[in-house]
Amino acid sequence: MAQNYGLWPETGFVSGELDWKKAESITAGVDIGTTSSQAAVMCDGRLFCYASVHTGADFRKTSDVVIEKALGNTGLSLKDISAVISTGFGRANVTYATRAVDEVHCHAKGARFMFGPDVHTVVDLGGQTTKAIRLYDWDRVWDFFMNDKCSTGMGRNIEMLCDTVHIPIEEIGGLSLDVESEPFPVSTTCYAFSNTETLGLFGRPEYKSKPLTENQVYASHMLAVAWRILGIIGKLQPLDVGDVTVYKELGFTGGLAKNPGVTKRIERELNITALKSPYDPQLAGAMGAALMA
């Protein structure tokens, strides 16, 4: 089988500290995304187990696979779980879900769990959509903005680039930061244009003097993605601050949050350092859904 460079590896986890048989409350969240899907099980508000898998063509089958892998050999079954909430693009296809909840509220809830009560701005960087979410101090969504049609698919955009140039998605972000100076970004208008422009940069001279290195090409692409995301965040909080207070307590969720070539450039332009979490940012939606069950 040919290597798929553009997908994050599938992962799973089972806590060695928690005993689900002693838990008073067991809930689950299932997040069916366009490129990856996650299932998370919480015991008394603590993460017991999870699985993250690649989303297949059949959302219903993917929802069955991801919960099966999450439960694994734990001895826990669906009948032991009091409530299951589904979220994500394919949430309507989770047949065993108690109810469905939109991604905005699930990622907001999951981010508060991941980053703690200090997080006030959540930027969900998914395969197809990007959402900037503002939270109240008391754990409720204040406001949010989503990408427009020209900025859809930014996560998928980078996956396709990795497959094209045969660079693992775990590596391309770091390579893009290994440059002496930032090149100009490719198209910041539409991701379809940016992919075409990026491929056209290989071997092309910069400033009509010397060829761009591969890392500079990747940097040019990541900078364009970062600028499109900054435009979404800018609708939620002004980038030209003036006398307006900008909440610096920002956390990234979603698969693209694991790409430092994008996140580091957003942090630089906002002059902030994003909050850190020991949890995989792809789990935010599923964990938030489980906590809302």
C-alpha atoms as a PDB file:
ATOM      1  CA  MET A   1       0.000   0.000   0.000  1.00  0.00           C
ATOM      2  CA  ALA A   2       1.303   3.468  -0.911  1.00  0.00           C
ATOM      3  CA  GLN A   3       2.181   5.699   2.018  1.00  0.00           C
ATOM      4  CA  ASN A   4      -0.375   8.372   2.829  1.00  0.00           C
ATOM      5  CA  TYR A   5       1.745  11.390   3.738  1.00  0.00           C
ATOM      6  CA  GLY A   6      -1.147  13.746   4.409  1.00  0.00           C
ATOM      7  CA  LEU A   7      -2.900  12.032   7.329  1.00  0.00           C
ATOM      8  CA  TRP A   8      -1.987  12.176  10.996  1.00  0.00           C
ATOM      9  CA  PRO A   9      -1.347   8.707  12.463  1.00  0.00           C
ATOM     10  CA  GLU A  10      -4.267   6.945  14.099  1.00  0.00           C
ATOM     11  CA  THR A  11      -3.957   6.874  17.889  1.00  0.00           C
ATOM     12  CA  GLY A  12      -5.595   5.428  20.970  1.00  0.00           C
ATOM     13  CA  PHE A  13      -5.343   5.513  24.750  1.00  0.00           C
ATOM     14  CA  VAL A  14      -6.672   3.751  27.834  1.00  0.00           C
ATOM     15  CA  SER A  15      -6.073   5.151  31.301  1.00  0.00           C
ATOM     16  CA  GLY A  16      -4.106   2.951  33.640  1.00  0.00           C
ATOM     17  CA  GLU A  17      -5.349   4.896  36.655  1.00  0.00           C
ATOM     18  CA  LEU A  18      -9.139   4.836  36.254  1.00  0.00           C
ATOM     19  CA  ASP A  19     -11.431   1.878  36.879  1.00  0.00           C
ATOM     20  CA  TRP A  20     -14.629   2.364  34.900  1.00  0.00           C
ATOM     21  CA  LYS A  21     -16.450  -0.141  37.119  1.00  0.00           C
ATOM     22  CA  LYS A  22     -16.115   2.271  40.044  1.00  0.00           C
ATOM     23  CA  ALA A  23     -17.303   5.323  38.098  1.00  0.00           C
ATOM     24  CA  GLU A  24     -20.643   6.907  38.957  1.00  0.00           C
ATOM     25  CA  SER A  25     -20.988   8.500  35.519  1.00  0.00           C
ATOM     26  CA  ILE A  26     -19.718   7.176  32.178  1.00  0.00           C
ATOM     27  CA  THR A  27     -20.335   9.259  29.060  1.00  0.00           C
ATOM     28  CA  ALA A  28     -18.923   9.327  25.538  1.00  0.00           C
ATOM     29  CA  GLY A  29     -18.465  11.809  22.720  1.00  0.00           C
ATOM     30  CA  VAL A  30     -18.008  10.910  19.052  1.00  0.00           C
ATOM     31  CA  ASP A  31     -16.671  13.511  16.624  1.00  0.00           C
ATOM     32  CA  ILE A  32     -17.037  12.508  12.967  1.00  0.00           C
ATOM     33  CA  GLY A  33     -14.905  14.895  10.947  1.00  0.00           C
ATOM     34  CA  THR A  34     -14.249  15.039   7.236  1.00  0.00           C
ATOM     35  CA  THR A  35     -10.699  13.657   7.439  1.00  0.00           C
ATOM     36  CA  SER A  36     -10.422  12.187  10.957  1.00  0.00           C
ATOM     37  CA  SER A  37     -12.839  11.005  13.639  1.00  0.00           C
ATOM     38  CA  GLN A  38     -12.489  10.615  17.402  1.00  0.00           C
ATOM     39  CA  ALA A  39     -14.335   8.861  20.208  1.00  0.00           C
ATOM     40  CA  ALA A  40     -13.660   9.753  23.844  1.00  0.00           C
ATOM     41  CA  VAL A  41     -15.063   8.124  26.995  1.00  0.00           C
ATOM     42  CA  MET A  42     -15.147  10.063  30.267  1.00  0.00           C
ATOM     43  CA  CYS A  43     -15.508   8.504  33.725  1.00  0.00           C
ATOM     44  CA  ASP A  44     -16.716  11.030  36.297  1.00  0.00           C
ATOM     45  CA  GLY A  45     -15.414  13.868  34.125  1.00  0.00           C
ATOM     46  CA  ARG A  46     -11.966  12.321  33.556  1.00  0.00           C
ATOM     47  CA  LEU A  47     -10.665  10.887  30.286  1.00  0.00           C
ATOM     48  CA  PHE A  48     -10.753   7.087  30.428  1.00  0.00           C
ATOM     49  CA  CYS A  49     -10.069   6.112  26.819  1.00  0.00           C
ATOM     50  CA  TYR A  50     -10.140   7.417  23.271  1.00  0.00           C
ATOM     51  CA  ALA A  51      -9.416   6.545  19.659  1.00  0.00           C
ATOM     52  CA  SER A  52      -8.624   8.728  16.668  1.00  0.00           C
ATOM     53  CA  VAL A  53      -9.044   7.174  13.201  1.00  0.00           C
ATOM     54  CA  HIS A  54      -9.097   8.273   9.598  1.00  0.00           C
ATOM     55  CA  THR A  55     -12.607   9.015   8.343  1.00  0.00           C
ATOM     56  CA  GLY A  56     -13.723   6.696   5.592  1.00  0.00           C
ATOM     57  CA  ALA A  57     -16.248   7.266   2.821  1.00  0.00           C
ATOM     58  CA  ASP A  58     -19.019   5.806   4.999  1.00  0.00           C
ATOM     59  CA  PHE A  59     -19.564   8.021   8.066  1.00  0.00           C
ATOM     60  CA  ARG A  60     -21.804   5.451   9.728  1.00  0.00           C
ATOM     61  CA  LYS A  61     -19.149   2.749   9.419  1.00  0.00           C
ATOM     62  CA  THR A  62     -16.479   5.146  10.690  1.00  0.00           C
ATOM     63  CA  SER A  63     -18.584   5.925  13.771  1.00  0.00           C
ATOM     64  CA  ASP A  64     -18.812   2.199  14.541  1.00  0.00           C
ATOM     65  CA  VAL A  65     -15.082   1.687  14.002  1.00  0.00           C
ATOM     66  CA  VAL A  66     -13.949   4.596  16.166  1.00  0.00           C
ATOM     67  CA  ILE A  67     -16.048   3.680  19.220  1.00  0.00           C
ATOM     68  CA  GLU A  68     -15.029   0.026  18.879  1.00  0.00           C
ATOM     69  CA  LYS A  69     -11.356   1.006  18.838  1.00  0.00           C
ATOM     70  CA  ALA A  70     -11.810   3.387  21.761  1.00  0.00           C
ATOM     71  CA  LEU A  71     -13.422   0.709  23.938  1.00  0.00           C
ATOM     72  CA  GLY A  72     -10.953  -1.928  22.733  1.00  0.00           C
ATOM     73  CA  ASN A  73     -10.161  -4.480  25.425  1.00  0.00           C
ATOM     74  CA  THR A  74     -11.322  -2.326  28.333  1.00  0.00           C
ATOM     75  CA  GLY A  75     -14.320  -4.555  29.043  1.00  0.00           C
ATOM     76  CA  LEU A  76     -16.525  -1.482  28.687  1.00  0.00           C
ATOM     77  CA  SER A  77     -19.371  -1.644  26.174  1.00  0.00           C
ATOM     78  CA  LEU A  78     -21.916   0.813  24.839  1.00  0.00           C
ATOM     79  CA  LYS A  79     -24.595  -0.499  27.190  1.00  0.00           C
ATOM     80  CA  ASP A  80     -22.420   0.606  30.138  1.00  0.00           C
ATOM     81  CA  ILE A  81     -22.339   4.205  28.854  1.00  0.00           C
ATOM     82  CA  SER A  82     -25.197   6.364  30.084  1.00  0.00           C
ATOM     83  CA  ALA A  83     -25.163   8.879  27.207  1.00  0.00           C
ATOM     84  CA  VAL A  84     -23.342   9.389  23.898  1.00  0.00           C
ATOM     85  CA  ILE A  85     -23.248  12.752  22.134  1.00  0.00           C
ATOM     86  CA  SER A  86     -22.207  13.002  18.492  1.00  0.00           C
ATOM     87  CA  THR A  87     -20.690  16.056  16.854  1.00  0.00           C
ATOM     88  CA  GLY A  88     -18.754  16.984  13.732  1.00  0.00           C
ATOM     89  CA  PHE A  89     -19.634  17.025  10.048  1.00  0.00           C
ATOM     90  CA  GLY A  90     -20.992  13.466  10.142  1.00  0.00           C
ATOM     91  CA  ARG A  91     -22.726  13.610  13.525  1.00  0.00           C
ATOM     92  CA  ALA A  92     -26.116  12.597  12.095  1.00  0.00           C
ATOM     93  CA  ASN A  93     -24.645   9.224  11.122  1.00  0.00           C
ATOM     94  CA  VAL A  94     -23.841   8.060  14.662  1.00  0.00           C
ATOM     95  CA  THR A  95     -26.788   5.720  15.135  1.00  0.00           C
ATOM     96  CA  TYR A  96     -26.035   4.902  18.785  1.00  0.00           C
ATOM     97  CA  ALA A  97     -25.817   8.566  19.875  1.00  0.00           C
ATOM     98  CA  THR A  98     -28.247   9.867  22.485  1.00  0.00           C
ATOM     99  CA  ARG A  99     -28.285  13.252  20.751  1.00  0.00           C
ATOM    100  CA  ALA A 100     -26.179  15.473  18.476  1.00  0.00           C
ATOM    101  CA  VAL A 101     -24.527  18.805  19.353  1.00  0.00           C
ATOM    102  CA  ASP A 102     -22.836  21.309  17.033  1.00  0.00           C
ATOM    103  CA  GLU A 103     -19.031  21.523  16.842  1.00  0.00           C
ATOM    104  CA  VAL A 104     -18.817  25.065  18.224  1.00  0.00           C
ATOM    105  CA  HIS A 105     -20.181  24.191  21.655  1.00  0.00           C
ATOM    106  CA  CYS A 106     -18.336  20.859  21.802  1.00  0.00           C
ATOM    107  CA  HIS A 107     -14.964  22.405  20.964  1.00  0.00           C
ATOM    108  CA  ALA A 108     -15.595  25.216  23.430  1.00  0.00           C
ATOM    109  CA  LYS A 109     -16.350  22.698  26.187  1.00  0.00           C
ATOM    110  CA  GLY A 110     -13.440  20.504  25.206  1.00  0.00           C
ATOM    111  CA  ALA A 111     -11.049  23.460  25.128  1.00  0.00           C
ATOM    112  CA  ARG A 112     -11.999  24.457  28.673  1.00  0.00           C
ATOM    113  CA  PHE A 113     -11.199  20.894  29.748  1.00  0.00           C
ATOM    114  CA  MET A 114      -7.915  20.866  27.811  1.00  0.00           C
ATOM    115  CA  PHE A 115      -6.596  24.326  28.649  1.00  0.00           C
ATOM    116  CA  GLY A 116      -8.394  25.137  31.892  1.00  0.00           C
ATOM    117  CA  PRO A 117     -10.559  28.124  32.860  1.00  0.00           C
ATOM    118  CA  ASP A 118      -8.123  30.708  31.512  1.00  0.00           C
ATOM    119  CA  VAL A 119      -8.867  30.066  27.836  1.00  0.00           C
ATOM    120  CA  HIS A 120     -11.110  32.784  26.369  1.00  0.00           C
ATOM    121  CA  THR A 121     -10.541  32.305  22.643  1.00  0.00           C
ATOM    122  CA  VAL A 122     -10.664  28.921  20.914  1.00  0.00           C
ATOM    123  CA  VAL A 123      -9.557  28.493  17.302  1.00  0.00           C
ATOM    124  CA  ASP A 124     -10.721  25.158  15.900  1.00  0.00           C
ATOM    125  CA  LEU A 125      -8.542  24.264  12.916  1.00  0.00           C
ATOM    126  CA  GLY A 126     -10.305  21.403  11.173  1.00  0.00           C
ATOM    127  CA  GLY A 127      -9.901  19.683   7.845  1.00  0.00           C
ATOM    128  CA  GLN A 128     -12.733  21.616   6.167  1.00  0.00           C
ATOM    129  CA  THR A 129     -13.703  24.447   8.511  1.00  0.00           C
ATOM    130  CA  THR A 130     -12.029  26.936  10.823  1.00  0.00           C
ATOM    131  CA  LYS A 131     -13.949  28.424  13.733  1.00  0.00           C
ATOM    132  CA  ALA A 132     -12.899  31.232  16.069  1.00  0.00           C
ATOM    133  CA  ILE A 133     -14.871  31.046  19.330  1.00  0.00           C
ATOM    134  CA  ARG A 134     -15.033  33.560  22.198  1.00  0.00           C
ATOM    135  CA  LEU A 135     -15.959  32.217  25.645  1.00  0.00           C
ATOM    136  CA  TYR A 136     -17.488  33.855  28.666  1.00  0.00           C
ATOM    137  CA  ASP A 137     -15.721  33.449  32.006  1.00  0.00           C
ATOM    138  CA  TRP A 138     -18.470  31.062  33.096  1.00  0.00           C
ATOM    139  CA  ASP A 139     -17.951  28.408  30.414  1.00  0.00           C
ATOM    140  CA  ARG A 140     -20.426  29.543  27.748  1.00  0.00           C
ATOM    141  CA  VAL A 141     -20.015  30.576  24.104  1.00  0.00           C
ATOM    142  CA  TRP A 142     -20.103  34.350  23.744  1.00  0.00           C
ATOM    143  CA  ASP A 143     -19.597  34.650  19.987  1.00  0.00           C
ATOM    144  CA  PHE A 144     -18.027  32.791  17.071  1.00  0.00           C
ATOM    145  CA  PHE A 145     -17.113  33.182  13.422  1.00  0.00           C
ATOM    146  CA  MET A 146     -16.507  30.570  10.725  1.00  0.00           C
ATOM    147  CA  ASN A 147     -14.489  30.696   7.534  1.00  0.00           C
ATOM    148  CA  ASP A 148     -16.077  31.821   4.294  1.00  0.00           C
ATOM    149  CA  LYS A 149     -16.220  29.604   1.221  1.00  0.00           C
ATOM    150  CA  CYS A 150     -12.813  30.735  -0.058  1.00  0.00           C
ATOM    151  CA  SER A 151     -11.153  29.630   3.173  1.00  0.00           C
ATOM    152  CA  THR A 152     -12.714  26.212   3.463  1.00  0.00           C
ATOM    153  CA  GLY A 153     -10.608  23.072   3.408  1.00  0.00           C
ATOM    154  CA  MET A 154      -7.392  24.582   4.771  1.00  0.00           C
ATOM    155  CA  GLY A 155      -6.496  21.465   6.726  1.00  0.00           C
ATOM    156  CA  ARG A 156      -7.281  19.270   3.738  1.00  0.00           C
ATOM    157  CA  ASN A 157      -5.263  21.682   1.594  1.00  0.00           C
ATOM    158  CA  ILE A 158      -2.077  20.887   3.538  1.00  0.00           C
ATOM    159  CA  GLU A 159      -2.857  17.163   3.515  1.00  0.00           C
ATOM    160  CA  MET A 160      -2.999  17.278  -0.291  1.00  0.00           C
ATOM    161  CA  LEU A 161       0.270  19.214  -0.442  1.00  0.00           C
ATOM    162  CA  CYS A 162       1.991  16.601   1.744  1.00  0.00           C
ATOM    163  CA  ASP A 163       0.746  13.792  -0.490  1.00  0.00           C
ATOM    164  CA  THR A 164       1.968  15.659  -3.569  1.00  0.00           C
ATOM    165  CA  VAL A 165       5.497  16.437  -2.335  1.00  0.00           C
ATOM    166  CA  HIS A 166       5.851  13.213  -0.256  1.00  0.00           C
ATOM    167  CA  ILE A 167       6.550  14.986   3.031  1.00  0.00           C
ATOM    168  CA  PRO A 168       4.840  13.537   6.162  1.00  0.00           C
ATOM    169  CA  ILE A 169       2.328  15.941   7.665  1.00  0.00           C
ATOM    170  CA  GLU A 170       4.129  15.615  11.015  1.00  0.00           C
ATOM    171  CA  GLU A 171       7.231  17.174   9.434  1.00  0.00           C
ATOM    172  CA  ILE A 172       6.140  19.823   6.952  1.00  0.00           C
ATOM    173  CA  GLY A 173       5.283  22.468   9.555  1.00  0.00           C
ATOM    174  CA  GLY A 174       8.683  22.256  11.215  1.00  0.00           C
ATOM    175  CA  LEU A 175      10.451  22.340   7.858  1.00  0.00           C
ATOM    176  CA  SER A 176       8.571  25.519   6.948  1.00  0.00           C
ATOM    177  CA  LEU A 177       9.994  27.231  10.039  1.00  0.00           C
ATOM    178  CA  ASP A 178      13.568  26.287   9.129  1.00  0.00           C
ATOM    179  CA  VAL A 179      14.178  29.317   6.904  1.00  0.00           C
ATOM    180  CA  GLU A 180      16.467  32.305   7.276  1.00  0.00           C
ATOM    181  CA  SER A 181      13.699  34.766   6.422  1.00  0.00           C
ATOM    182  CA  GLU A 182      10.001  34.615   5.654  1.00  0.00           C
ATOM    183  CA  PRO A 183       9.153  34.549   1.923  1.00  0.00           C
ATOM    184  CA  PHE A 184       6.050  36.156   0.517  1.00  0.00           C
ATOM    185  CA  PRO A 185       2.896  34.051   0.979  1.00  0.00           C
ATOM    186  CA  VAL A 186       1.205  32.372  -1.933  1.00  0.00           C
ATOM    187  CA  SER A 187      -2.424  33.241  -2.614  1.00  0.00           C
ATOM    188  CA  THR A 188      -4.286  34.274   0.539  1.00  0.00           C
ATOM    189  CA  THR A 189      -7.575  34.499  -1.376  1.00  0.00           C
ATOM    190  CA  CYS A 190      -8.478  30.880  -2.092  1.00  0.00           C
ATOM    191  CA  TYR A 191      -6.870  27.629  -0.987  1.00  0.00           C
ATOM    192  CA  ALA A 192      -7.285  26.150  -4.481  1.00  0.00           C
ATOM    193  CA  PHE A 193      -5.147  28.948  -5.887  1.00  0.00           C
ATOM    194  CA  SER A 194      -2.567  28.563  -3.117  1.00  0.00           C
ATOM    195  CA  ASN A 195      -1.918  24.890  -3.915  1.00  0.00           C
ATOM    196  CA  THR A 196      -1.387  25.700  -7.572  1.00  0.00           C
ATOM    197  CA  GLU A 197       0.914  28.609  -6.763  1.00  0.00           C
ATOM    198  CA  THR A 198       2.869  26.558  -4.226  1.00  0.00           C
ATOM    199  CA  LEU A 199       3.671  23.807  -6.717  1.00  0.00           C
ATOM    200  CA  GLY A 200       4.713  26.468  -9.218  1.00  0.00           C
ATOM    201  CA  LEU A 201       7.297  27.850  -6.772  1.00  0.00           C
ATOM    202  CA  PHE A 202       9.594  24.824  -6.872  1.00  0.00           C
ATOM    203  CA  GLY A 203      12.732  25.868  -8.712  1.00  0.00           C
ATOM    204  CA  ARG A 204      11.457  29.394  -9.255  1.00  0.00           C
ATOM    205  CA  PRO A 205      13.874  32.217  -8.300  1.00  0.00           C
ATOM    206  CA  GLU A 206      13.072  34.476  -5.366  1.00  0.00           C
ATOM    207  CA  TYR A 207      13.327  38.180  -6.182  1.00  0.00           C
ATOM    208  CA  LYS A 208      14.745  37.073  -9.574  1.00  0.00           C
ATOM    209  CA  SER A 209      18.058  36.122  -7.970  1.00  0.00           C
ATOM    210  CA  LYS A 210      18.193  32.620  -6.482  1.00  0.00           C
ATOM    211  CA  PRO A 211      15.879  29.612  -6.431  1.00  0.00           C
ATOM    212  CA  LEU A 212      13.605  29.102  -3.475  1.00  0.00           C
ATOM    213  CA  THR A 213      14.540  26.218  -1.213  1.00  0.00           C
ATOM    214  CA  GLU A 214      11.936  23.554  -0.515  1.00  0.00           C
ATOM    215  CA  ASN A 215      11.551  24.879   3.038  1.00  0.00           C
ATOM    216  CA  GLN A 216      10.896  28.369   1.704  1.00  0.00           C
ATOM    217  CA  VAL A 217       8.170  26.980  -0.543  1.00  0.00           C
ATOM    218  CA  TYR A 218       6.551  25.288   2.451  1.00  0.00           C
ATOM    219  CA  ALA A 219       6.927  28.508   4.467  1.00  0.00           C
ATOM    220  CA  SER A 220       5.212  30.484   1.725  1.00  0.00           C
ATOM    221  CA  HIS A 221       2.287  28.055   1.810  1.00  0.00           C
ATOM    222  CA  MET A 222       1.962  27.934   5.615  1.00  0.00           C
ATOM    223  CA  LEU A 223       2.089  31.712   5.817  1.00  0.00           C
ATOM    224  CA  ALA A 224      -0.822  31.956   3.388  1.00  0.00           C
ATOM    225  CA  VAL A 225      -2.868  29.512   5.487  1.00  0.00           C
ATOM    226  CA  ALA A 226      -1.997  31.425   8.674  1.00  0.00           C
ATOM    227  CA  TRP A 227      -3.106  34.714   7.134  1.00  0.00           C
ATOM    228  CA  ARG A 228      -6.487  33.293   6.134  1.00  0.00           C
ATOM    229  CA  ILE A 229      -6.992  32.051   9.694  1.00  0.00           C
ATOM    230  CA  LEU A 230      -5.947  35.426  11.085  1.00  0.00           C
ATOM    231  CA  GLY A 231      -8.736  36.990   9.062  1.00  0.00           C
ATOM    232  CA  ILE A 232     -11.250  34.737  10.812  1.00  0.00           C
ATOM    233  CA  ILE A 233      -9.816  35.513  14.248  1.00  0.00           C
ATOM    234  CA  GLY A 234      -9.836  39.198  13.323  1.00  0.00           C
ATOM    235  CA  LYS A 235     -13.621  39.126  12.973  1.00  0.00           C
ATOM    236  CA  LEU A 236     -13.824  37.977  16.575  1.00  0.00           C
ATOM    237  CA  GLN A 237     -11.178  40.277  18.044  1.00  0.00           C
ATOM    238  CA  PRO A 238      -9.446  43.202  16.324  1.00  0.00           C
ATOM    239  CA  LEU A 239      -5.884  42.591  15.183  1.00  0.00           C
ATOM    240  CA  ASP A 240      -5.148  46.327  15.265  1.00  0.00           C
ATOM    241  CA  VAL A 241      -5.833  46.576  18.952  1.00  0.00           C
ATOM    242  CA  GLY A 242      -5.864  50.285  19.783  1.00  0.00           C
ATOM    243  CA  ASP A 243      -7.810  50.750  23.023  1.00  0.00           C
ATOM    244  CA  VAL A 244      -9.702  47.474  22.637  1.00  0.00           C
ATOM    245  CA  THR A 245      -8.766  44.637  24.981  1.00  0.00           C
ATOM    246  CA  VAL A 246      -7.692  41.503  23.148  1.00  0.00           C
ATOM    247  CA  TYR A 247      -7.909  38.260  25.091  1.00  0.00           C
ATOM    248  CA  LYS A 248      -4.483  36.658  24.848  1.00  0.00           C
ATOM    249  CA  GLU A 249      -5.596  33.380  26.455  1.00  0.00           C
ATOM    250  CA  LEU A 250      -5.990  31.491  23.169  1.00  0.00           C
ATOM    251  CA  GLY A 251      -6.037  27.744  22.553  1.00  0.00           C
ATOM    252  CA  PHE A 252      -5.883  25.843  19.260  1.00  0.00           C
ATOM    253  CA  THR A 253      -7.931  22.690  18.639  1.00  0.00           C
ATOM    254  CA  GLY A 254      -8.303  20.403  15.619  1.00  0.00           C
ATOM    255  CA  GLY A 255      -5.770  18.557  13.497  1.00  0.00           C
ATOM    256  CA  LEU A 256      -4.184  21.658  11.990  1.00  0.00           C
ATOM    257  CA  ALA A 257      -3.378  22.772  15.539  1.00  0.00           C
ATOM    258  CA  LYS A 258      -0.579  20.180  15.436  1.00  0.00           C
ATOM    259  CA  ASN A 259       1.144  22.010  12.570  1.00  0.00           C
ATOM    260  CA  PRO A 260       3.648  24.515  14.046  1.00  0.00           C
ATOM    261  CA  GLY A 261       4.206  26.041  10.621  1.00  0.00           C
ATOM    262  CA  VAL A 262       0.704  27.512  10.908  1.00  0.00           C
ATOM    263  CA  THR A 263       0.237  27.983  14.660  1.00  0.00           C
ATOM    264  CA  LYS A 264       3.632  29.611  15.290  1.00  0.00           C
ATOM    265  CA  ARG A 265       2.973  32.144  12.546  1.00  0.00           C
ATOM    266  CA  ILE A 266      -0.442  32.982  13.998  1.00  0.00           C
ATOM    267  CA  GLU A 267       1.128  33.439  17.428  1.00  0.00           C
ATOM    268  CA  ARG A 268       3.782  35.709  15.953  1.00  0.00           C
ATOM    269  CA  GLU A 269       1.279  37.955  14.183  1.00  0.00           C
ATOM    270  CA  LEU A 270      -0.971  38.161  17.266  1.00  0.00           C
ATOM    271  CA  ASN A 271       2.054  38.632  19.550  1.00  0.00           C
ATOM    272  CA  ILE A 272       0.850  35.885  21.889  1.00  0.00           C
ATOM    273  CA  THR A 273       1.873  32.427  23.030  1.00  0.00           C
ATOM    274  CA  ALA A 274      -1.005  29.979  22.748  1.00  0.00           C
ATOM    275  CA  LEU A 275      -1.981  27.912  25.771  1.00  0.00           C
ATOM    276  CA  LYS A 276      -0.529  24.400  25.961  1.00  0.00           C
ATOM    277  CA  SER A 277      -2.299  21.161  26.847  1.00  0.00           C
ATOM    278  CA  PRO A 278      -1.170  17.564  27.390  1.00  0.00           C
ATOM    279  CA  TYR A 279      -4.129  16.385  25.294  1.00  0.00           C
ATOM    280  CA  ASP A 280      -4.136  15.846  21.533  1.00  0.00           C
ATOM    281  CA  PRO A 281      -5.949  18.899  20.068  1.00  0.00           C
ATOM    282  CA  GLN A 282      -7.879  16.597  17.727  1.00  0.00           C
ATOM    283  CA  LEU A 283      -9.730  15.255  20.783  1.00  0.00           C
ATOM    284  CA  ALA A 284     -11.344  18.552  21.776  1.00  0.00           C
ATOM    285  CA  GLY A 285     -14.646  17.949  19.993  1.00  0.00           C
ATOM    286  CA  ALA A 286     -15.103  14.394  21.259  1.00  0.00           C
ATOM    287  CA  MET A 287     -14.096  15.247  24.831  1.00  0.00           C
ATOM    288  CA  GLY A 288     -16.366  18.283  24.844  1.00  0.00           C
ATOM    289  CA  ALA A 289     -19.245  16.162  23.572  1.00  0.00           C
ATOM    290  CA  ALA A 290     -18.642  13.562  26.289  1.00  0.00           C
ATOM    291  CA  LEU A 291     -18.610  16.258  28.957  1.00  0.00           C
ATOM    292  CA  MET A 292     -21.930  17.611  27.665  1.00  0.00           C
ATOM    293  CA  ALA A 293     -23.613  14.191  27.724  1.00  0.00           C
END
